[in-house]
C-alpha atoms as a PDB file:
ATOM      1  CA  MET A   1      -0.835  23.900  51.310  1.00  0.00           C
ATOM      2  CA  ALA A   2       1.099  27.156  51.065  1.00  0.00           C
ATOM      3  CA  ASP A   3      -1.747  29.594  51.868  1.00  0.00           C
ATOM      4  CA  PRO A   4      -3.645  28.692  55.072  1.00  0.00           C
ATOM      5  CA  ASP A   5      -6.328  31.304  54.292  1.00  0.00           C
ATOM      6  CA  LYS A   6      -7.491  29.172  51.326  1.00  0.00           C
ATOM      7  CA  ARG A   7      -8.021  26.000  53.386  1.00  0.00           C
ATOM      8  CA  PRO A   8     -11.773  26.482  54.075  1.00  0.00           C
ATOM      9  CA  GLU A   9     -12.427  27.194  50.392  1.00  0.00           C
ATOM     10  CA  LEU A  10     -10.578  24.092  49.234  1.00  0.00           C
ATOM     11  CA  PHE A  11     -12.201  21.976  51.947  1.00  0.00           C
ATOM     12  CA  CYS A  12     -15.629  22.951  50.618  1.00  0.00           C
ATOM     13  CA  HIS A  13     -14.683  22.104  47.045  1.00  0.00           C
ATOM     14  CA  PHE A  14     -13.203  18.721  47.917  1.00  0.00           C
ATOM     15  CA  SER A  15     -16.076  17.815  50.236  1.00  0.00           C
ATOM     16  CA  LEU A  16     -19.178  19.314  48.647  1.00  0.00           C
ATOM     17  CA  LEU A  17     -18.576  18.623  44.971  1.00  0.00           C
ATOM     18  CA  PRO A  18     -17.136  15.107  44.605  1.00  0.00           C
ATOM     19  CA  LEU A  19     -17.927  13.519  47.974  1.00  0.00           C
ATOM     20  CA  LEU A  20     -21.470  14.768  48.543  1.00  0.00           C
ATOM     21  CA  GLY A  21     -22.451  15.581  44.962  1.00  0.00           C
ATOM     22  CA  LEU A  22     -23.703  18.975  46.078  1.00  0.00           C
ATOM     23  CA  PRO A  23     -23.364  21.636  43.375  1.00  0.00           C
ATOM     24  CA  ILE A  24     -22.206  25.047  44.537  1.00  0.00           C
ATOM     25  CA  GLY A  25     -22.857  28.227  42.621  1.00  0.00           C
ATOM     26  CA  GLU A  26     -19.774  30.341  42.673  1.00  0.00           C
ATOM     27  CA  MET A  27     -19.274  31.303  39.060  1.00  0.00           C
ATOM     28  CA  TRP A  28     -22.756  32.320  37.944  1.00  0.00           C
ATOM     29  CA  ASP A  29     -22.913  35.421  35.776  1.00  0.00           C
ATOM     30  CA  LEU A  30     -25.789  37.354  37.332  1.00  0.00           C
ATOM     31  CA  ASP A  31     -25.153  40.724  35.680  1.00  0.00           C
ATOM     32  CA  ALA A  32     -27.974  40.322  33.138  1.00  0.00           C
ATOM     33  CA  LEU A  33     -30.382  39.309  35.911  1.00  0.00           C
ATOM     34  CA  ALA A  34     -29.388  42.336  38.000  1.00  0.00           C
ATOM     35  CA  GLU A  35     -29.965  44.643  35.021  1.00  0.00           C
ATOM     36  CA  ASP A  36     -33.359  43.078  34.319  1.00  0.00           C
ATOM     37  CA  CYS A  37     -34.407  43.420  37.958  1.00  0.00           C
ATOM     38  CA  ALA A  38     -33.307  47.060  38.032  1.00  0.00           C
ATOM     39  CA  SER A  39     -35.161  47.843  34.798  1.00  0.00           C
ATOM     40  CA  ASP A  40     -38.565  46.491  35.883  1.00  0.00           C
ATOM     41  CA  GLY A  41     -38.221  46.867  39.675  1.00  0.00           C
ATOM     42  CA  VAL A  42     -39.011  43.198  40.307  1.00  0.00           C
ATOM     43  CA  TYR A  43     -36.450  41.598  42.592  1.00  0.00           C
ATOM     44  CA  GLU A  44     -38.337  38.391  43.383  1.00  0.00           C
ATOM     45  CA  GLY A  45     -38.332  35.127  41.505  1.00  0.00           C
ATOM     46  CA  LEU A  46     -37.636  31.422  41.627  1.00  0.00           C
ATOM     47  CA  PHE A  47     -33.958  30.573  41.275  1.00  0.00           C
ATOM     48  CA  THR A  48     -33.094  26.982  40.504  1.00  0.00           C
ATOM     49  CA  SER A  49     -29.997  25.155  39.377  1.00  0.00           C
ATOM     50  CA  ALA A  50     -29.561  21.552  38.371  1.00  0.00           C
ATOM     51  CA  PRO A  51     -26.391  19.808  37.232  1.00  0.00           C
ATOM     52  CA  LEU A  52     -26.343  17.748  34.064  1.00  0.00           C
ATOM     53  CA  ASN A  53     -27.691  14.251  34.599  1.00  0.00           C
ATOM     54  CA  LEU A  54     -24.499  12.307  33.939  1.00  0.00           C
ATOM     55  CA  ARG A  55     -23.706   9.009  35.596  1.00  0.00           C
ATOM     56  CA  SER A  56     -20.623   9.483  37.819  1.00  0.00           C
ATOM     57  CA  GLY A  57     -20.373  13.077  36.618  1.00  0.00           C
ATOM     58  CA  VAL A  58     -18.484  15.508  38.807  1.00  0.00           C
ATOM     59  CA  ALA A  59     -18.485  19.295  38.517  1.00  0.00           C
ATOM     60  CA  SER A  60     -20.943  19.551  35.649  1.00  0.00           C
ATOM     61  CA  PRO A  61     -22.213  22.991  34.537  1.00  0.00           C
ATOM     62  CA  PRO A  62     -24.823  24.395  36.949  1.00  0.00           C
ATOM     63  CA  ASN A  63     -27.577  25.306  34.419  1.00  0.00           C
ATOM     64  CA  ALA A  64     -28.983  28.135  36.539  1.00  0.00           C
ATOM     65  CA  LEU A  65     -32.486  29.423  35.745  1.00  0.00           C
ATOM     66  CA  VAL A  66     -34.506  32.287  37.220  1.00  0.00           C
ATOM     67  CA  ILE A  67     -38.250  32.576  36.710  1.00  0.00           C
ATOM     68  CA  LYS A  68     -39.591  36.031  37.500  1.00  0.00           C
END
């Protein structure tokens, strides 16, 4: 690997996603949620994310959902 500063990031991707099946949320677009929270002053809610239920699926979309 050319850039040693990227090693921890790549280690997490290679270990967490395919080996452990653990989804990680790194690309969620939370701008709309932040605007909604700022508009009504409510910053609490239930955040959940579940991958698609695909046999042997790797890196499926996260399907994030917030219930306020």
